[in-house]
Amino acid sequence: MARLERALALFLVVSWRIARWMRLGRTVPDLDAGLLLETEEWQAASILAKKPVPKDPPRGSTR
């Protein structure tokens, strides 16, 4: 059970940071994900979304 609890804690932290990036991106559309997420976190998010992992941190929407 301890492994599951650690995994859930990690997922909660990462998902909270992604949600914060999304909310901040509404006011600062070109916000760099590297400001809020560690390299491993945004890379893991790309892998979970089944997208290629970019070399540089992703940025918010470019309008």
PDB file of N, CA and C in Angstrom:
ATOM      1  N   MET A   1       0.818  -1.200   0.000  1.00  0.00           N
ATOM      2  CA  MET A   1       0.000   0.000   0.000  1.00  0.00           C
ATOM      3  C   MET A   1       0.858   1.259   0.000  1.00  0.00           C
ATOM      4  N   ALA A   2       2.042   1.199   0.538  1.00  0.00           N
ATOM      5  CA  ALA A   2       2.892   2.383   0.624  1.00  0.00           C
ATOM      6  C   ALA A   2       3.294   2.881  -0.770  1.00  0.00           C
ATOM      7  N   ARG A   3       3.529   1.974  -1.708  1.00  0.00           N
ATOM      8  CA  ARG A   3       3.891   2.385  -3.072  1.00  0.00           C
ATOM      9  C   ARG A   3       2.742   3.132  -3.731  1.00  0.00           C
ATOM     10  N   LEU A   4       1.534   2.638  -3.535  1.00  0.00           N
ATOM     11  CA  LEU A   4       0.358   3.280  -4.105  1.00  0.00           C
ATOM     12  C   LEU A   4       0.174   4.677  -3.515  1.00  0.00           C
ATOM     13  N   GLU A   5       0.370   4.818  -2.225  1.00  0.00           N
ATOM     14  CA  GLU A   5       0.223   6.125  -1.581  1.00  0.00           C
ATOM     15  C   GLU A   5       1.262   7.110  -2.092  1.00  0.00           C
ATOM     16  N   ARG A   6       2.499   6.657  -2.283  1.00  0.00           N
ATOM     17  CA  ARG A   6       3.544   7.541  -2.814  1.00  0.00           C
ATOM     18  C   ARG A   6       3.227   7.952  -4.241  1.00  0.00           C
ATOM     19  N   ALA A   7       2.749   7.011  -5.045  1.00  0.00           N
ATOM     20  CA  ALA A   7       2.399   7.326  -6.438  1.00  0.00           C
ATOM     21  C   ALA A   7       1.248   8.332  -6.483  1.00  0.00           C
ATOM     22  N   LEU A   8       0.240   8.141  -5.660  1.00  0.00           N
ATOM     23  CA  LEU A   8      -0.881   9.075  -5.621  1.00  0.00           C
ATOM     24  C   LEU A   8      -0.441  10.462  -5.185  1.00  0.00           C
ATOM     25  N   ALA A   9       0.438  10.529  -4.190  1.00  0.00           N
ATOM     26  CA  ALA A   9       0.949  11.824  -3.732  1.00  0.00           C
ATOM     27  C   ALA A   9       1.697  12.534  -4.856  1.00  0.00           C
ATOM     28  N   LEU A  10       2.508  11.806  -5.594  1.00  0.00           N
ATOM     29  CA  LEU A  10       3.249  12.387  -6.711  1.00  0.00           C
ATOM     30  C   LEU A  10       2.297  12.878  -7.794  1.00  0.00           C
ATOM     31  N   PHE A  11       1.313  12.060  -8.158  1.00  0.00           N
ATOM     32  CA  PHE A  11       0.350  12.457  -9.183  1.00  0.00           C
ATOM     33  C   PHE A  11      -0.436  13.691  -8.758  1.00  0.00           C
ATOM     34  N   LEU A  12      -0.778  13.790  -7.491  1.00  0.00           N
ATOM     35  CA  LEU A  12      -1.518  14.951  -7.014  1.00  0.00           C
ATOM     36  C   LEU A  12      -0.693  16.228  -7.145  1.00  0.00           C
ATOM     37  N   VAL A  13       0.575  16.161  -6.786  1.00  0.00           N
ATOM     38  CA  VAL A  13       1.447  17.337  -6.880  1.00  0.00           C
ATOM     39  C   VAL A  13       1.595  17.767  -8.335  1.00  0.00           C
ATOM     40  N   VAL A  14       1.874  16.824  -9.210  1.00  0.00           N
ATOM     41  CA  VAL A  14       2.065  17.146 -10.626  1.00  0.00           C
ATOM     42  C   VAL A  14       0.770  17.682 -11.229  1.00  0.00           C
ATOM     43  N   SER A  15      -0.354  17.057 -10.924  1.00  0.00           N
ATOM     44  CA  SER A  15      -1.622  17.528 -11.496  1.00  0.00           C
ATOM     45  C   SER A  15      -1.971  18.917 -10.976  1.00  0.00           C
ATOM     46  N   TRP A  16      -1.652  19.217  -9.722  1.00  0.00           N
ATOM     47  CA  TRP A  16      -1.901  20.552  -9.183  1.00  0.00           C
ATOM     48  C   TRP A  16      -1.052  21.579  -9.930  1.00  0.00           C
ATOM     49  N   ARG A  17       0.221  21.249 -10.202  1.00  0.00           N
ATOM     50  CA  ARG A  17       1.091  22.183 -10.925  1.00  0.00           C
ATOM     51  C   ARG A  17       0.626  22.384 -12.355  1.00  0.00           C
ATOM     52  N   ILE A  18       0.156  21.324 -13.011  1.00  0.00           N
ATOM     53  CA  ILE A  18      -0.350  21.455 -14.376  1.00  0.00           C
ATOM     54  C   ILE A  18      -1.613  22.321 -14.383  1.00  0.00           C
ATOM     55  N   ALA A  19      -2.489  22.123 -13.412  1.00  0.00           N
ATOM     56  CA  ALA A  19      -3.703  22.938 -13.326  1.00  0.00           C
ATOM     57  C   ALA A  19      -3.344  24.404 -13.086  1.00  0.00           C
ATOM     58  N   ARG A  20      -2.344  24.655 -12.253  1.00  0.00           N
ATOM     59  CA  ARG A  20      -1.902  26.032 -11.998  1.00  0.00           C
ATOM     60  C   ARG A  20      -1.326  26.649 -13.260  1.00  0.00           C
ATOM     61  N   TRP A  21      -0.534  25.882 -14.009  1.00  0.00           N
ATOM     62  CA  TRP A  21       0.025  26.363 -15.279  1.00  0.00           C
ATOM     63  C   TRP A  21      -1.097  26.713 -16.244  1.00  0.00           C
ATOM     64  N   MET A  22      -2.120  25.869 -16.274  1.00  0.00           N
ATOM     65  CA  MET A  22      -3.255  26.115 -17.164  1.00  0.00           C
ATOM     66  C   MET A  22      -3.970  27.408 -16.781  1.00  0.00           C
ATOM     67  N   ARG A  23      -4.220  27.609 -15.479  1.00  0.00           N
ATOM     68  CA  ARG A  23      -4.912  28.824 -15.038  1.00  0.00           C
ATOM     69  C   ARG A  23      -4.074  30.066 -15.300  1.00  0.00           C
ATOM     70  N   LEU A  24      -2.780  30.003 -15.011  1.00  0.00           N
ATOM     71  CA  LEU A  24      -1.905  31.149 -15.277  1.00  0.00           C
ATOM     72  C   LEU A  24      -1.797  31.416 -16.774  1.00  0.00           C
ATOM     73  N   GLY A  25      -1.863  30.363 -17.572  1.00  0.00           N
ATOM     74  CA  GLY A  25      -1.779  30.511 -19.012  1.00  0.00           C
ATOM     75  C   GLY A  25      -2.921  31.305 -19.611  1.00  0.00           C
ATOM     76  N   ARG A  26      -4.006  31.418 -18.893  1.00  0.00           N
ATOM     77  CA  ARG A  26      -5.129  32.216 -19.383  1.00  0.00           C
ATOM     78  C   ARG A  26      -4.803  33.704 -19.355  1.00  0.00           C
ATOM     79  N   THR A  27      -3.964  34.124 -18.420  1.00  0.00           N
ATOM     80  CA  THR A  27      -3.583  35.536 -18.345  1.00  0.00           C
ATOM     81  C   THR A  27      -2.216  35.795 -18.968  1.00  0.00           C
ATOM     82  N   VAL A  28      -1.350  34.798 -18.958  1.00  0.00           N
ATOM     83  CA  VAL A  28      -0.021  34.901 -19.563  1.00  0.00           C
ATOM     84  C   VAL A  28       0.104  33.754 -20.564  1.00  0.00           C
ATOM     85  N   PRO A  29      -0.407  33.928 -21.785  1.00  0.00           N
ATOM     86  CA  PRO A  29      -0.508  32.807 -22.728  1.00  0.00           C
ATOM     87  C   PRO A  29       0.822  32.166 -23.110  1.00  0.00           C
ATOM     88  N   ASP A  30       1.918  32.881 -23.055  1.00  0.00           N
ATOM     89  CA  ASP A  30       3.196  32.329 -23.502  1.00  0.00           C
ATOM     90  C   ASP A  30       4.048  31.838 -22.323  1.00  0.00           C
ATOM     91  N   LEU A  31       3.413  31.439 -21.237  1.00  0.00           N
ATOM     92  CA  LEU A  31       4.115  31.012 -20.031  1.00  0.00           C
ATOM     93  C   LEU A  31       4.837  29.686 -20.250  1.00  0.00           C
ATOM     94  N   ASP A  32       6.094  29.642 -19.855  1.00  0.00           N
ATOM     95  CA  ASP A  32       6.935  28.451 -20.006  1.00  0.00           C
ATOM     96  C   ASP A  32       6.616  27.450 -18.895  1.00  0.00           C
ATOM     97  N   ALA A  33       6.375  26.195 -19.265  1.00  0.00           N
ATOM     98  CA  ALA A  33       6.061  25.154 -18.279  1.00  0.00           C
ATOM     99  C   ALA A  33       7.223  24.913 -17.326  1.00  0.00           C
ATOM    100  N   GLY A  34       8.448  25.213 -17.759  1.00  0.00           N
ATOM    101  CA  GLY A  34       9.620  25.022 -16.921  1.00  0.00           C
ATOM    102  C   GLY A  34       9.633  25.906 -15.691  1.00  0.00           C
ATOM    103  N   LEU A  35       8.800  26.947 -15.666  1.00  0.00           N
ATOM    104  CA  LEU A  35       8.732  27.810 -14.490  1.00  0.00           C
ATOM    105  C   LEU A  35       7.972  27.167 -13.338  1.00  0.00           C
ATOM    106  N   LEU A  36       7.053  26.278 -13.659  1.00  0.00           N
ATOM    107  CA  LEU A  36       6.222  25.659 -12.621  1.00  0.00           C
ATOM    108  C   LEU A  36       6.455  24.168 -12.447  1.00  0.00           C
ATOM    109  N   LEU A  37       7.010  23.519 -13.479  1.00  0.00           N
ATOM    110  CA  LEU A  37       7.201  22.075 -13.435  1.00  0.00           C
ATOM    111  C   LEU A  37       8.674  21.722 -13.564  1.00  0.00           C
ATOM    112  N   GLU A  38       9.078  20.676 -12.877  1.00  0.00           N
ATOM    113  CA  GLU A  38      10.425  20.146 -13.057  1.00  0.00           C
ATOM    114  C   GLU A  38      10.495  19.469 -14.420  1.00  0.00           C
ATOM    115  N   THR A  39      11.692  19.299 -14.935  1.00  0.00           N
ATOM    116  CA  THR A  39      11.880  18.687 -16.250  1.00  0.00           C
ATOM    117  C   THR A  39      11.203  17.327 -16.327  1.00  0.00           C
ATOM    118  N   GLU A  40      11.398  16.508 -15.317  1.00  0.00           N
ATOM    119  CA  GLU A  40      10.816  15.168 -15.316  1.00  0.00           C
ATOM    120  C   GLU A  40       9.291  15.214 -15.303  1.00  0.00           C
ATOM    121  N   GLU A  41       8.717  16.242 -14.685  1.00  0.00           N
ATOM    122  CA  GLU A  41       7.261  16.339 -14.588  1.00  0.00           C
ATOM    123  C   GLU A  41       6.627  16.653 -15.936  1.00  0.00           C
ATOM    124  N   TRP A  42       7.144  17.658 -16.659  1.00  0.00           N
ATOM    125  CA  TRP A  42       6.519  17.962 -17.949  1.00  0.00           C
ATOM    126  C   TRP A  42       6.837  16.901 -18.989  1.00  0.00           C
ATOM    127  N   GLN A  43       7.978  16.223 -18.848  1.00  0.00           N
ATOM    128  CA  GLN A  43       8.267  15.117 -19.761  1.00  0.00           C
ATOM    129  C   GLN A  43       7.313  13.947 -19.499  1.00  0.00           C
ATOM    130  N   ALA A  44       7.074  13.641 -18.234  1.00  0.00           N
ATOM    131  CA  ALA A  44       6.151  12.556 -17.883  1.00  0.00           C
ATOM    132  C   ALA A  44       4.732  12.884 -18.336  1.00  0.00           C
ATOM    133  N   ALA A  45       4.336  14.153 -18.241  1.00  0.00           N
ATOM    134  CA  ALA A  45       3.008  14.548 -18.711  1.00  0.00           C
ATOM    135  C   ALA A  45       2.881  14.317 -20.210  1.00  0.00           C
ATOM    136  N   SER A  46       3.937  14.583 -20.965  1.00  0.00           N
ATOM    137  CA  SER A  46       3.916  14.330 -22.415  1.00  0.00           C
ATOM    138  C   SER A  46       3.784  12.840 -22.696  1.00  0.00           C
ATOM    139  N   ILE A  47       4.511  12.042 -21.949  1.00  0.00           N
ATOM    140  CA  ILE A  47       4.455  10.592 -22.140  1.00  0.00           C
ATOM    141  C   ILE A  47       3.058  10.059 -21.816  1.00  0.00           C
ATOM    142  N   LEU A  48       2.480  10.524 -20.706  1.00  0.00           N
ATOM    143  CA  LEU A  48       1.134  10.080 -20.333  1.00  0.00           C
ATOM    144  C   LEU A  48       0.086  10.508 -21.353  1.00  0.00           C
ATOM    145  N   ALA A  49       0.313  11.647 -22.010  1.00  0.00           N
ATOM    146  CA  ALA A  49      -0.611  12.116 -23.040  1.00  0.00           C
ATOM    147  C   ALA A  49      -0.343  11.445 -24.381  1.00  0.00           C
ATOM    148  N   LYS A  50       0.647  10.535 -24.402  1.00  0.00           N
ATOM    149  CA  LYS A  50       1.029   9.800 -25.606  1.00  0.00           C
ATOM    150  C   LYS A  50       1.427  10.737 -26.741  1.00  0.00           C
ATOM    151  N   LYS A  51       2.210  11.754 -26.352  1.00  0.00           N
ATOM    152  CA  LYS A  51       2.736  12.712 -27.321  1.00  0.00           C
ATOM    153  C   LYS A  51       4.259  12.639 -27.270  1.00  0.00           C
ATOM    154  N   PRO A  52       4.930  13.031 -28.344  1.00  0.00           N
ATOM    155  CA  PRO A  52       6.398  13.023 -28.317  1.00  0.00           C
ATOM    156  C   PRO A  52       6.916  14.015 -27.276  1.00  0.00           C
ATOM    157  N   VAL A  53       7.990  13.642 -26.616  1.00  0.00           N
ATOM    158  CA  VAL A  53       8.576  14.494 -25.580  1.00  0.00           C
ATOM    159  C   VAL A  53       9.429  15.570 -26.254  1.00  0.00           C
ATOM    160  N   PRO A  54       9.082  16.854 -26.059  1.00  0.00           N
ATOM    161  CA  PRO A  54       9.872  17.919 -26.673  1.00  0.00           C
ATOM    162  C   PRO A  54      11.206  18.108 -25.953  1.00  0.00           C
ATOM    163  N   LYS A  55      12.165  18.711 -26.650  1.00  0.00           N
ATOM    164  CA  LYS A  55      13.471  18.985 -26.031  1.00  0.00           C
ATOM    165  C   LYS A  55      13.355  20.081 -24.991  1.00  0.00           C
ATOM    166  N   ASP A  56      12.603  21.123 -25.312  1.00  0.00           N
ATOM    167  CA  ASP A  56      12.435  22.267 -24.420  1.00  0.00           C
ATOM    168  C   ASP A  56      11.082  22.205 -23.740  1.00  0.00           C
ATOM    169  N   PRO A  57      10.943  22.858 -22.583  1.00  0.00           N
ATOM    170  CA  PRO A  57       9.648  22.853 -21.911  1.00  0.00           C
ATOM    171  C   PRO A  57       8.571  23.460 -22.811  1.00  0.00           C
ATOM    172  N   PRO A  58       7.377  22.899 -22.793  1.00  0.00           N
ATOM    173  CA  PRO A  58       6.296  23.458 -23.604  1.00  0.00           C
ATOM    174  C   PRO A  58       5.878  24.834 -23.084  1.00  0.00           C
ATOM    175  N   ARG A  59       5.342  25.612 -23.976  1.00  0.00           N
ATOM    176  CA  ARG A  59       4.838  26.932 -23.613  1.00  0.00           C
ATOM    177  C   ARG A  59       3.325  26.893 -23.710  1.00  0.00           C
ATOM    178  N   GLY A  60       2.697  27.889 -23.110  1.00  0.00           N
ATOM    179  CA  GLY A  60       1.257  27.988 -23.205  1.00  0.00           C
ATOM    180  C   GLY A  60       0.834  28.233 -24.636  1.00  0.00           C
ATOM    181  N   SER A  61      -0.432  28.431 -24.817  1.00  0.00           N
ATOM    182  CA  SER A  61      -0.943  28.627 -26.178  1.00  0.00           C
ATOM    183  C   SER A  61      -0.350  29.901 -26.784  1.00  0.00           C
ATOM    184  N   THR A  62       0.005  29.812 -28.030  1.00  0.00           N
ATOM    185  CA  THR A  62       0.504  30.990 -28.732  1.00  0.00           C
ATOM    186  C   THR A  62      -0.617  31.523 -29.605  1.00  0.00           C
ATOM    187  N   ARG A  63      -1.009  32.727 -29.351  1.00  0.00           N
ATOM    188  CA  ARG A  63      -2.137  33.332 -30.078  1.00  0.00           C
ATOM    189  C   ARG A  63      -1.654  34.232 -31.151  1.00  0.00           C
TER     190      ARG A  63
END
